[in-house]
Amino acid sequence: MTHIVTVQDAVTAFADWLEPTDAELDAVEREMPVLLADVDLLDAHIVTLDRTPTELDERRIRRARRRALAARVALLNGAAGDGLAGGAA
């Protein structure tokens, strides 16, 4: 039996245009603190999935939520400061 496969994936799998651009990599780098804070928040929630949250668990979730919100605010403030004329931030 002969298998029939498409050649399209093999041709385009290594195309240069599939790589992220420098601007996209810079955007990911700017958003990395938000991503890491969200991972910490998810970790805090995952710990409590199979049990009743203790006071320590609730504090960990609150702290992680505050860090996630602070990271988002810092990202937005940084983005808003980039658009100000004269370099004033």
Protein backbone atom coordinates (compact mmCIF):
# COMPACT_ATOMS: atom_id res chain seq x y z
CA MET A 1 0.00 0.00 0.00
CA THR A 2 1.31 3.42 -0.93
CA HIS A 3 0.62 6.28 1.45
CA ILE A 4 -0.41 9.55 -0.08
CA VAL A 5 0.75 12.61 1.83
CA THR A 6 0.69 16.29 1.08
CA VAL A 7 3.89 18.02 0.13
CA GLN A 8 2.64 21.45 1.22
CA ASP A 9 3.63 21.07 4.89
CA ALA A 10 7.13 19.96 3.98
CA VAL A 11 7.56 22.91 1.64
CA THR A 12 6.25 25.61 4.00
CA ALA A 13 7.44 24.15 7.32
CA PHE A 14 10.81 25.86 7.03
CA ALA A 15 9.75 29.08 5.34
CA ASP A 16 11.35 32.25 6.68
CA TRP A 17 8.02 34.00 7.09
CA LEU A 18 6.94 31.51 9.78
CA GLU A 19 9.45 32.91 12.27
CA PRO A 20 8.33 35.72 14.60
CA THR A 21 9.53 39.18 13.70
CA ASP A 22 11.70 41.29 16.00
CA ALA A 23 8.68 43.45 16.83
CA GLU A 24 6.66 40.38 17.85
CA LEU A 25 9.50 39.10 20.02
CA ASP A 26 9.79 42.54 21.66
CA ALA A 27 6.04 42.52 22.37
CA VAL A 28 6.31 39.09 24.01
CA GLU A 29 9.26 40.32 26.08
CA ARG A 30 7.25 43.35 27.27
CA GLU A 31 4.31 41.11 28.21
CA MET A 32 6.42 38.46 29.97
CA PRO A 33 5.85 39.83 33.53
CA VAL A 34 2.08 39.65 32.94
CA LEU A 35 2.36 36.10 31.61
CA LEU A 36 4.46 34.95 34.56
CA ALA A 37 2.10 36.59 37.05
CA ASP A 38 -0.86 34.86 35.39
CA VAL A 39 0.97 31.52 35.63
CA ASP A 40 1.52 32.10 39.36
CA LEU A 41 -2.18 32.89 39.77
CA LEU A 42 -3.15 29.72 37.92
CA ASP A 43 -0.74 27.71 40.07
CA ALA A 44 -2.36 29.11 43.20
CA HIS A 45 -5.79 28.11 41.94
CA ILE A 46 -4.66 24.66 40.79
CA VAL A 47 -3.37 23.84 44.29
CA THR A 48 -6.88 24.29 45.68
CA LEU A 49 -8.74 22.23 43.07
CA ASP A 50 -8.80 18.98 45.01
CA ARG A 51 -9.24 20.35 48.51
CA THR A 52 -10.89 23.09 50.50
CA PRO A 53 -8.68 26.19 50.42
CA THR A 54 -6.96 26.98 53.70
CA GLU A 55 -6.25 30.49 54.95
CA LEU A 56 -2.73 30.17 53.53
CA ASP A 57 -4.14 29.16 50.13
CA GLU A 58 -6.50 32.13 50.14
CA ARG A 59 -3.63 34.49 50.95
CA ARG A 60 -1.53 32.96 48.19
CA ILE A 61 -4.38 33.48 45.69
CA ARG A 62 -4.93 37.08 46.83
CA ARG A 63 -1.21 37.83 46.54
CA ALA A 64 -1.01 36.23 43.10
CA ARG A 65 -4.10 38.16 41.96
CA ARG A 66 -2.57 41.44 43.17
CA ARG A 67 0.70 40.67 41.39
CA ALA A 68 -1.16 39.84 38.17
CA LEU A 69 -3.14 43.08 38.35
CA ALA A 70 -0.02 45.10 39.17
CA ALA A 71 1.81 43.57 36.21
CA ARG A 72 -1.08 44.48 33.91
CA VAL A 73 -1.17 48.04 35.24
CA ALA A 74 2.59 48.37 34.79
CA LEU A 75 2.29 47.12 31.20
CA LEU A 76 -0.52 49.55 30.43
CA ASN A 77 1.26 52.47 32.11
CA GLY A 78 4.42 51.66 30.19
CA ALA A 79 2.47 51.55 26.92
CA ALA A 80 0.76 54.84 27.75
CA GLY A 81 4.09 56.45 28.67
CA ASP A 82 5.61 55.48 25.31
CA GLY A 83 3.09 57.63 23.50
CA LEU A 84 3.80 60.85 25.41
CA ALA A 85 5.57 63.62 23.50
CA GLY A 86 8.88 64.94 24.74
CA GLY A 87 9.82 61.74 26.56
CA ALA A 88 7.86 62.71 29.68
CA ALA A 89 6.50 59.63 31.37
